[in-house]
C-alpha atoms as a PDB file:
ATOM      1  CA  MET A   1     109.953  80.255  82.792  1.00  0.00           C
ATOM      2  CA  ASP A   2     106.125  79.886  82.798  1.00  0.00           C
ATOM      3  CA  TYR A   3     104.178  81.302  85.716  1.00  0.00           C
ATOM      4  CA  SER A   4     100.724  80.168  86.759  1.00  0.00           C
ATOM      5  CA  TYR A   5      98.352  82.154  88.950  1.00  0.00           C
ATOM      6  CA  PRO A   6      95.220  80.000  89.277  1.00  0.00           C
ATOM      7  CA  GLU A   7      93.540  82.182  91.930  1.00  0.00           C
ATOM      8  CA  ILE A   8      94.039  85.309  89.810  1.00  0.00           C
ATOM      9  CA  ASP A   9      92.671  83.474  86.776  1.00  0.00           C
ATOM     10  CA  GLN A  10      89.629  82.273  88.729  1.00  0.00           C
ATOM     11  CA  LEU A  11      88.868  85.727  90.100  1.00  0.00           C
ATOM     12  CA  ALA A  12      89.327  87.316  86.676  1.00  0.00           C
ATOM     13  CA  THR A  13      86.898  84.798  85.183  1.00  0.00           C
ATOM     14  CA  LEU A  14      84.303  85.596  87.851  1.00  0.00           C
ATOM     15  CA  LEU A  15      84.690  89.352  87.441  1.00  0.00           C
ATOM     16  CA  GLU A  16      84.476  89.098  83.651  1.00  0.00           C
ATOM     17  CA  ALA A  17      81.321  87.002  83.923  1.00  0.00           C
ATOM     18  CA  GLU A  18      79.802  89.552  86.299  1.00  0.00           C
ATOM     19  CA  MET A  19      80.738  92.358  83.933  1.00  0.00           C
ATOM     20  CA  LYS A  20      78.862  90.534  81.169  1.00  0.00           C
ATOM     21  CA  GLY A  21      75.751  90.333  83.345  1.00  0.00           C
ATOM     22  CA  SER A  22      76.059  86.812  84.654  1.00  0.00           C
ATOM     23  CA  SER A  23      75.320  86.012  88.279  1.00  0.00           C
ATOM     24  CA  VAL A  24      78.433  85.114  90.264  1.00  0.00           C
ATOM     25  CA  ASP A  25      78.995  83.845  93.786  1.00  0.00           C
ATOM     26  CA  PRO A  26      80.105  86.872  95.859  1.00  0.00           C
ATOM     27  CA  ALA A  27      81.412  84.584  98.620  1.00  0.00           C
ATOM     28  CA  GLU A  28      83.789  82.972  96.106  1.00  0.00           C
ATOM     29  CA  CYS A  29      84.955  86.396  94.940  1.00  0.00           C
ATOM     30  CA  ARG A  30      85.620  87.389  98.533  1.00  0.00           C
ATOM     31  CA  ARG A  31      87.450  84.125  99.237  1.00  0.00           C
ATOM     32  CA  LEU A  32      89.695  84.525  96.195  1.00  0.00           C
ATOM     33  CA  ALA A  33      90.368  88.243  96.846  1.00  0.00           C
ATOM     34  CA  SER A  34      91.215  87.518 100.467  1.00  0.00           C
ATOM     35  CA  ARG A  35      93.539  84.677  99.509  1.00  0.00           C
ATOM     36  CA  LEU A  36      95.271  86.802  96.863  1.00  0.00           C
ATOM     37  CA  ALA A  37      95.790  89.644  99.339  1.00  0.00           C
ATOM     38  CA  GLU A  38      97.574  87.169 101.607  1.00  0.00           C
ATOM     39  CA  LEU A  39      99.678  85.626  98.839  1.00  0.00           C
ATOM     40  CA  TYR A  40     100.608  88.870  97.102  1.00  0.00           C
ATOM     41  CA  PRO A  41     100.717  91.830  99.557  1.00  0.00           C
ATOM     42  CA  GLU A  42     101.598  94.165  96.694  1.00  0.00           C
ATOM     43  CA  ILE A  43      98.043  93.795  95.277  1.00  0.00           C
ATOM     44  CA  ALA A  44      96.281  93.746  98.663  1.00  0.00           C
ATOM     45  CA  GLY A  45      94.847  97.234  98.102  1.00  0.00           C
ATOM     46  CA  SER A  46      93.154  96.167  94.893  1.00  0.00           C
ATOM     47  CA  MET A  47      91.843  92.992  96.524  1.00  0.00           C
ATOM     48  CA  ARG A  48      90.403  95.043  99.397  1.00  0.00           C
ATOM     49  CA  GLN A  49      88.405  97.051  96.846  1.00  0.00           C
ATOM     50  CA  ILE A  50      86.845  93.795  95.633  1.00  0.00           C
ATOM     51  CA  LEU A  51      86.173  92.724  99.226  1.00  0.00           C
ATOM     52  CA  VAL A  52      84.482  96.009 100.121  1.00  0.00           C
ATOM     53  CA  ARG A  53      82.451  96.041  96.927  1.00  0.00           C
ATOM     54  CA  ASP A  54      81.285  92.437  97.262  1.00  0.00           C
ATOM     55  CA  CYS A  55      80.560  92.586 101.005  1.00  0.00           C
ATOM     56  CA  GLY A  56      77.811  95.162 100.692  1.00  0.00           C
ATOM     57  CA  PRO A  57      76.830  97.831 103.206  1.00  0.00           C
ATOM     58  CA  GLY A  58      77.179  97.024 106.867  1.00  0.00           C
ATOM     59  CA  ILE A  59      79.488  94.021 106.337  1.00  0.00           C
ATOM     60  CA  SER A  60      83.181  94.346 106.971  1.00  0.00           C
ATOM     61  CA  PRO A  61      85.732  92.656 104.713  1.00  0.00           C
ATOM     62  CA  PRO A  62      88.253  90.201 106.139  1.00  0.00           C
ATOM     63  CA  ARG A  63      91.399  91.840 107.471  1.00  0.00           C
ATOM     64  CA  ASN A  64      94.785  90.100 107.607  1.00  0.00           C
ATOM     65  CA  GLY A  65      93.394  86.599 107.307  1.00  0.00           C
ATOM     66  CA  GLU A  66      90.405  87.117 109.610  1.00  0.00           C
ATOM     67  CA  GLY A  67      87.026  85.693 108.696  1.00  0.00           C
ATOM     68  CA  GLY A  68      85.107  88.847 107.814  1.00  0.00           C
ATOM     69  CA  ASN A  69      81.329  89.147 107.334  1.00  0.00           C
ATOM     70  CA  GLU A  70      80.923  90.667 110.805  1.00  0.00           C
ATOM     71  CA  ARG A  71      78.405  93.455 111.004  1.00  0.00           C
ATOM     72  CA  ALA A  72      80.101  96.851 111.091  1.00  0.00           C
END
């Protein structure tokens, strides 16, 4: 059986590009991490780390499907 995880692949591609010094869209990283946290609760903790890192200071990450980006 072959499994496909397109959102994981997309996020991995963005994170790898960022690691190599390329500019990436942080909103897209947040969107993907939020979606993956919903789809796969077992990796939600890791996805929250991406959300917190990419949201920057003073911005709260989405919680349980909420929008996020509200000032803390």
